[in-house]
Amino acid sequence: MKLTMLKVVSTAAMMATIALTGCSAKRTGTSEVVVAPMGVPGGVGYYNGGAVVTNSTSVITAAGGNPNVVYFDFDSSELDAQDQAVLNQQAQFLQANPSARVAIAGHTDERGSREYNLALGERRAQAAQAYLATSGVSASRMEAISYGEDQPADPGHDESAWAKNRRAEISY
């Protein structure tokens, strides 16, 4: 009887621990980042002394595609020329707005283990962060985070969907 009760209590404690732990994303950096509200058409927001500031017009534009996203090849964290052009525009915005802070979220497709994808997402976010740092943006204004495969841009299971999921997203 005592052994059965011990198993029940142990199982309940383990389930409670798992439920309370939840999913978390790996974070690096120490800066406080507040992401602007979603749904502001073309808007860019940034943290400014306790308030989120949003602009109703896009100040960052890129030729084609989303100007706040860079994409990666399979199993890679290397930035190509198109990605560097996007990040150059991000750097120009950050230099013109010295109080702006940025969060860079690395993502992967569904292939690979959870641990591997979290690490790859981190390398992708850090690659974008390092590029912005070499462009004159202070590291204290940036935070890199990895979501791995947990937040797909496209839920499909083919190469087209996977290509959209291999990305780093820049948020203000």
C-alpha atoms as a PDB file:
ATOM      1  CA  MET A   1       0.000   0.000   0.000  1.00  0.00           C
ATOM      2  CA  LYS A   2       2.784   2.436   0.957  1.00  0.00           C
ATOM      3  CA  LEU A   3       4.704   1.541  -2.204  1.00  0.00           C
ATOM      4  CA  THR A   4       1.644   2.240  -4.388  1.00  0.00           C
ATOM      5  CA  MET A   5       1.027   5.569  -2.637  1.00  0.00           C
ATOM      6  CA  LEU A   6       4.705   6.487  -3.110  1.00  0.00           C
ATOM      7  CA  LYS A   7       4.427   5.767  -6.857  1.00  0.00           C
ATOM      8  CA  VAL A   8       1.290   7.923  -7.136  1.00  0.00           C
ATOM      9  CA  VAL A   9       2.901  10.834  -5.259  1.00  0.00           C
ATOM     10  CA  SER A  10       6.124  10.545  -7.288  1.00  0.00           C
ATOM     11  CA  THR A  11       4.210  10.467 -10.572  1.00  0.00           C
ATOM     12  CA  ALA A  12       2.092  13.469  -9.542  1.00  0.00           C
ATOM     13  CA  ALA A  13       5.199  15.442  -8.549  1.00  0.00           C
ATOM     14  CA  MET A  14       6.899  14.619 -11.843  1.00  0.00           C
ATOM     15  CA  MET A  15       3.821  15.645 -13.868  1.00  0.00           C
ATOM     16  CA  ALA A  16       3.547  18.919 -11.929  1.00  0.00           C
ATOM     17  CA  THR A  17       7.213  19.674 -12.607  1.00  0.00           C
ATOM     18  CA  ILE A  18       6.783  19.024 -16.329  1.00  0.00           C
ATOM     19  CA  ALA A  19       3.621  21.141 -16.493  1.00  0.00           C
ATOM     20  CA  LEU A  20       5.216  24.062 -14.645  1.00  0.00           C
ATOM     21  CA  THR A  21       8.402  23.950 -16.697  1.00  0.00           C
ATOM     22  CA  GLY A  22       6.650  24.558 -20.040  1.00  0.00           C
ATOM     23  CA  CYS A  23       8.422  25.438 -23.247  1.00  0.00           C
ATOM     24  CA  SER A  24      11.078  28.070 -23.170  1.00  0.00           C
ATOM     25  CA  ALA A  25      13.300  29.680 -25.718  1.00  0.00           C
ATOM     26  CA  LYS A  26      17.011  30.027 -25.223  1.00  0.00           C
ATOM     27  CA  ARG A  27      17.973  33.676 -24.702  1.00  0.00           C
ATOM     28  CA  THR A  28      21.252  35.515 -24.824  1.00  0.00           C
ATOM     29  CA  GLY A  29      22.112  39.108 -24.155  1.00  0.00           C
ATOM     30  CA  THR A  30      21.141  41.356 -21.309  1.00  0.00           C
ATOM     31  CA  SER A  31      19.238  44.178 -22.936  1.00  0.00           C
ATOM     32  CA  GLU A  32      15.551  44.707 -22.289  1.00  0.00           C
ATOM     33  CA  VAL A  33      13.554  44.366 -25.472  1.00  0.00           C
ATOM     34  CA  VAL A  34       9.908  45.229 -25.954  1.00  0.00           C
ATOM     35  CA  VAL A  35       8.453  44.077 -29.249  1.00  0.00           C
ATOM     36  CA  ALA A  36       6.033  46.505 -30.849  1.00  0.00           C
ATOM     37  CA  PRO A  37       2.419  45.403 -31.133  1.00  0.00           C
ATOM     38  CA  MET A  38       1.672  43.165 -34.084  1.00  0.00           C
ATOM     39  CA  GLY A  39      -0.701  44.380 -36.740  1.00  0.00           C
ATOM     40  CA  VAL A  40       0.684  47.867 -37.209  1.00  0.00           C
ATOM     41  CA  PRO A  41       0.742  48.005 -41.020  1.00  0.00           C
ATOM     42  CA  GLY A  42       4.314  48.612 -42.098  1.00  0.00           C
ATOM     43  CA  GLY A  43       5.052  49.807 -38.611  1.00  0.00           C
ATOM     44  CA  VAL A  44       8.255  49.651 -36.702  1.00  0.00           C
ATOM     45  CA  GLY A  45       8.272  49.977 -32.945  1.00  0.00           C
ATOM     46  CA  TYR A  46      10.985  50.360 -30.369  1.00  0.00           C
ATOM     47  CA  TYR A  47      11.386  50.717 -26.631  1.00  0.00           C
ATOM     48  CA  ASN A  48      11.867  54.315 -25.547  1.00  0.00           C
ATOM     49  CA  GLY A  49      12.086  54.948 -21.805  1.00  0.00           C
ATOM     50  CA  GLY A  50       9.054  52.970 -20.725  1.00  0.00           C
ATOM     51  CA  ALA A  51       6.867  53.304 -23.814  1.00  0.00           C
ATOM     52  CA  VAL A  52       6.625  51.378 -27.028  1.00  0.00           C
ATOM     53  CA  VAL A  53       6.917  53.774 -29.937  1.00  0.00           C
ATOM     54  CA  THR A  54       5.525  52.736 -33.304  1.00  0.00           C
ATOM     55  CA  ASN A  55       5.779  54.426 -36.654  1.00  0.00           C
ATOM     56  CA  SER A  56       2.834  54.063 -39.014  1.00  0.00           C
ATOM     57  CA  THR A  57       4.994  54.107 -42.115  1.00  0.00           C
ATOM     58  CA  SER A  58       7.782  51.716 -42.882  1.00  0.00           C
ATOM     59  CA  VAL A  59      11.173  53.301 -42.457  1.00  0.00           C
ATOM     60  CA  ILE A  60      12.973  50.166 -43.534  1.00  0.00           C
ATOM     61  CA  THR A  61      12.415  48.893 -47.036  1.00  0.00           C
ATOM     62  CA  ALA A  62      14.082  46.191 -49.058  1.00  0.00           C
ATOM     63  CA  ALA A  63      13.816  45.061 -52.630  1.00  0.00           C
ATOM     64  CA  GLY A  64      11.260  42.254 -52.413  1.00  0.00           C
ATOM     65  CA  GLY A  65      10.513  40.091 -49.421  1.00  0.00           C
ATOM     66  CA  ASN A  66      10.081  41.053 -45.789  1.00  0.00           C
ATOM     67  CA  PRO A  67      12.573  43.743 -44.747  1.00  0.00           C
ATOM     68  CA  ASN A  68      12.696  42.353 -41.195  1.00  0.00           C
ATOM     69  CA  VAL A  69      13.608  38.767 -42.113  1.00  0.00           C
ATOM     70  CA  VAL A  70      16.772  37.145 -43.433  1.00  0.00           C
ATOM     71  CA  TYR A  71      16.682  33.596 -44.793  1.00  0.00           C
ATOM     72  CA  PHE A  72      19.259  30.804 -44.590  1.00  0.00           C
ATOM     73  CA  ASP A  73      20.211  27.728 -46.579  1.00  0.00           C
ATOM     74  CA  PHE A  74      19.651  24.270 -45.109  1.00  0.00           C
ATOM     75  CA  ASP A  75      21.809  23.602 -42.039  1.00  0.00           C
ATOM     76  CA  SER A  76      23.526  26.996 -42.394  1.00  0.00           C
ATOM     77  CA  SER A  77      23.931  30.230 -40.484  1.00  0.00           C
ATOM     78  CA  GLU A  78      25.836  32.018 -43.254  1.00  0.00           C
ATOM     79  CA  LEU A  79      24.482  35.353 -44.502  1.00  0.00           C
ATOM     80  CA  ASP A  80      24.357  35.846 -48.268  1.00  0.00           C
ATOM     81  CA  ALA A  81      24.519  39.180 -50.135  1.00  0.00           C
ATOM     82  CA  GLN A  82      20.737  39.664 -50.067  1.00  0.00           C
ATOM     83  CA  ASP A  83      20.651  39.091 -46.297  1.00  0.00           C
ATOM     84  CA  GLN A  84      23.502  41.546 -45.823  1.00  0.00           C
ATOM     85  CA  ALA A  85      21.560  44.171 -47.807  1.00  0.00           C
ATOM     86  CA  VAL A  86      18.557  43.703 -45.489  1.00  0.00           C
ATOM     87  CA  LEU A  87      20.796  43.965 -42.428  1.00  0.00           C
ATOM     88  CA  ASN A  88      22.518  47.070 -43.829  1.00  0.00           C
ATOM     89  CA  GLN A  89      19.121  48.784 -43.938  1.00  0.00           C
ATOM     90  CA  GLN A  90      18.403  47.614 -40.405  1.00  0.00           C
ATOM     91  CA  ALA A  91      21.760  49.025 -39.280  1.00  0.00           C
ATOM     92  CA  GLN A  92      21.001  52.383 -40.928  1.00  0.00           C
ATOM     93  CA  PHE A  93      17.679  52.547 -39.081  1.00  0.00           C
ATOM     94  CA  LEU A  94      19.339  51.658 -35.769  1.00  0.00           C
ATOM     95  CA  GLN A  95      22.071  54.266 -36.268  1.00  0.00           C
ATOM     96  CA  ALA A  96      19.435  56.919 -37.020  1.00  0.00           C
ATOM     97  CA  ASN A  97      17.408  55.869 -33.945  1.00  0.00           C
ATOM     98  CA  PRO A  98      19.894  55.484 -31.079  1.00  0.00           C
ATOM     99  CA  SER A  99      17.226  54.631 -28.492  1.00  0.00           C
ATOM    100  CA  ALA A 100      15.866  51.728 -30.562  1.00  0.00           C
ATOM    101  CA  ARG A 101      16.517  48.215 -29.302  1.00  0.00           C
ATOM    102  CA  VAL A 102      16.225  45.081 -31.365  1.00  0.00           C
ATOM    103  CA  ALA A 103      15.436  41.404 -30.775  1.00  0.00           C
ATOM    104  CA  ILE A 104      16.714  38.924 -33.336  1.00  0.00           C
ATOM    105  CA  ALA A 105      14.897  35.574 -33.304  1.00  0.00           C
ATOM    106  CA  GLY A 106      16.491  32.580 -35.004  1.00  0.00           C
ATOM    107  CA  HIS A 107      14.252  29.885 -36.485  1.00  0.00           C
ATOM    108  CA  THR A 108      14.749  26.538 -38.231  1.00  0.00           C
ATOM    109  CA  ASP A 109      12.715  24.080 -40.248  1.00  0.00           C
ATOM    110  CA  GLU A 110      11.374  20.926 -38.612  1.00  0.00           C
ATOM    111  CA  ARG A 111      14.230  18.657 -39.661  1.00  0.00           C
ATOM    112  CA  GLY A 112      16.723  17.777 -36.927  1.00  0.00           C
ATOM    113  CA  SER A 113      16.386  17.250 -33.185  1.00  0.00           C
ATOM    114  CA  ARG A 114      14.919  19.918 -30.922  1.00  0.00           C
ATOM    115  CA  GLU A 115      18.306  20.548 -29.298  1.00  0.00           C
ATOM    116  CA  TYR A 116      20.087  20.819 -32.639  1.00  0.00           C
ATOM    117  CA  ASN A 117      17.458  23.197 -34.009  1.00  0.00           C
ATOM    118  CA  LEU A 118      17.631  25.435 -30.926  1.00  0.00           C
ATOM    119  CA  ALA A 119      21.409  25.643 -31.356  1.00  0.00           C
ATOM    120  CA  LEU A 120      21.112  26.328 -35.104  1.00  0.00           C
ATOM    121  CA  GLY A 121      18.467  29.000 -34.493  1.00  0.00           C
ATOM    122  CA  GLU A 122      20.817  30.595 -31.964  1.00  0.00           C
ATOM    123  CA  ARG A 123      23.682  30.616 -34.496  1.00  0.00           C
ATOM    124  CA  ARG A 124      21.396  32.260 -37.060  1.00  0.00           C
ATOM    125  CA  ALA A 125      20.299  34.976 -34.625  1.00  0.00           C
ATOM    126  CA  GLN A 126      23.904  35.529 -33.564  1.00  0.00           C
ATOM    127  CA  ALA A 127      25.056  35.776 -37.197  1.00  0.00           C
ATOM    128  CA  ALA A 128      22.596  38.617 -37.809  1.00  0.00           C
ATOM    129  CA  GLN A 129      23.544  40.200 -34.476  1.00  0.00           C
ATOM    130  CA  ALA A 130      27.261  40.017 -35.291  1.00  0.00           C
ATOM    131  CA  TYR A 131      26.688  41.570 -38.710  1.00  0.00           C
ATOM    132  CA  LEU A 132      24.762  44.464 -37.165  1.00  0.00           C
ATOM    133  CA  ALA A 133      27.544  44.900 -34.585  1.00  0.00           C
ATOM    134  CA  THR A 134      30.164  45.168 -37.343  1.00  0.00           C
ATOM    135  CA  SER A 135      27.917  47.810 -38.918  1.00  0.00           C
ATOM    136  CA  GLY A 136      28.193  49.975 -35.812  1.00  0.00           C
ATOM    137  CA  VAL A 137      25.196  48.865 -33.732  1.00  0.00           C
ATOM    138  CA  SER A 138      26.048  48.475 -30.043  1.00  0.00           C
ATOM    139  CA  ALA A 139      25.698  44.942 -28.699  1.00  0.00           C
ATOM    140  CA  SER A 140      23.883  46.345 -25.651  1.00  0.00           C
ATOM    141  CA  ARG A 141      20.982  47.318 -27.929  1.00  0.00           C
ATOM    142  CA  MET A 142      20.517  43.795 -29.324  1.00  0.00           C
ATOM    143  CA  GLU A 143      19.266  40.475 -28.022  1.00  0.00           C
ATOM    144  CA  ALA A 144      19.508  37.124 -29.797  1.00  0.00           C
ATOM    145  CA  ILE A 145      16.945  34.405 -29.117  1.00  0.00           C
ATOM    146  CA  SER A 146      16.333  30.988 -30.645  1.00  0.00           C
ATOM    147  CA  TYR A 147      12.953  29.389 -31.174  1.00  0.00           C
ATOM    148  CA  GLY A 148      14.341  26.483 -33.194  1.00  0.00           C
ATOM    149  CA  GLU A 149      11.471  24.784 -35.021  1.00  0.00           C
ATOM    150  CA  ASP A 150       8.792  25.945 -32.535  1.00  0.00           C
ATOM    151  CA  GLN A 151       7.403  28.921 -34.506  1.00  0.00           C
ATOM    152  CA  PRO A 152       7.224  27.993 -38.195  1.00  0.00           C
ATOM    153  CA  ALA A 153       6.354  30.725 -40.680  1.00  0.00           C
ATOM    154  CA  ASP A 154       4.830  28.023 -42.898  1.00  0.00           C
ATOM    155  CA  PRO A 155       3.402  24.839 -41.328  1.00  0.00           C
ATOM    156  CA  GLY A 156       3.921  22.789 -44.514  1.00  0.00           C
ATOM    157  CA  HIS A 157       6.187  19.756 -44.772  1.00  0.00           C
ATOM    158  CA  ASP A 158       7.982  20.373 -48.068  1.00  0.00           C
ATOM    159  CA  GLU A 159      11.043  22.262 -49.292  1.00  0.00           C
ATOM    160  CA  SER A 160       9.060  25.428 -49.996  1.00  0.00           C
ATOM    161  CA  ALA A 161       7.766  25.573 -46.409  1.00  0.00           C
ATOM    162  CA  TRP A 162      11.132  24.635 -44.926  1.00  0.00           C
ATOM    163  CA  ALA A 163      12.849  27.446 -46.865  1.00  0.00           C
ATOM    164  CA  LYS A 164      10.451  29.986 -45.304  1.00  0.00           C
ATOM    165  CA  ASN A 165      11.124  28.598 -41.831  1.00  0.00           C
ATOM    166  CA  ARG A 166      14.935  28.860 -42.005  1.00  0.00           C
ATOM    167  CA  ARG A 167      15.135  32.497 -40.947  1.00  0.00           C
ATOM    168  CA  ALA A 168      16.078  35.195 -38.459  1.00  0.00           C
ATOM    169  CA  GLU A 169      13.402  37.793 -37.680  1.00  0.00           C
ATOM    170  CA  ILE A 170      14.265  41.300 -36.532  1.00  0.00           C
ATOM    171  CA  SER A 171      11.773  42.942 -34.138  1.00  0.00           C
ATOM    172  CA  TYR A 172      11.801  46.390 -32.588  1.00  0.00           C
END
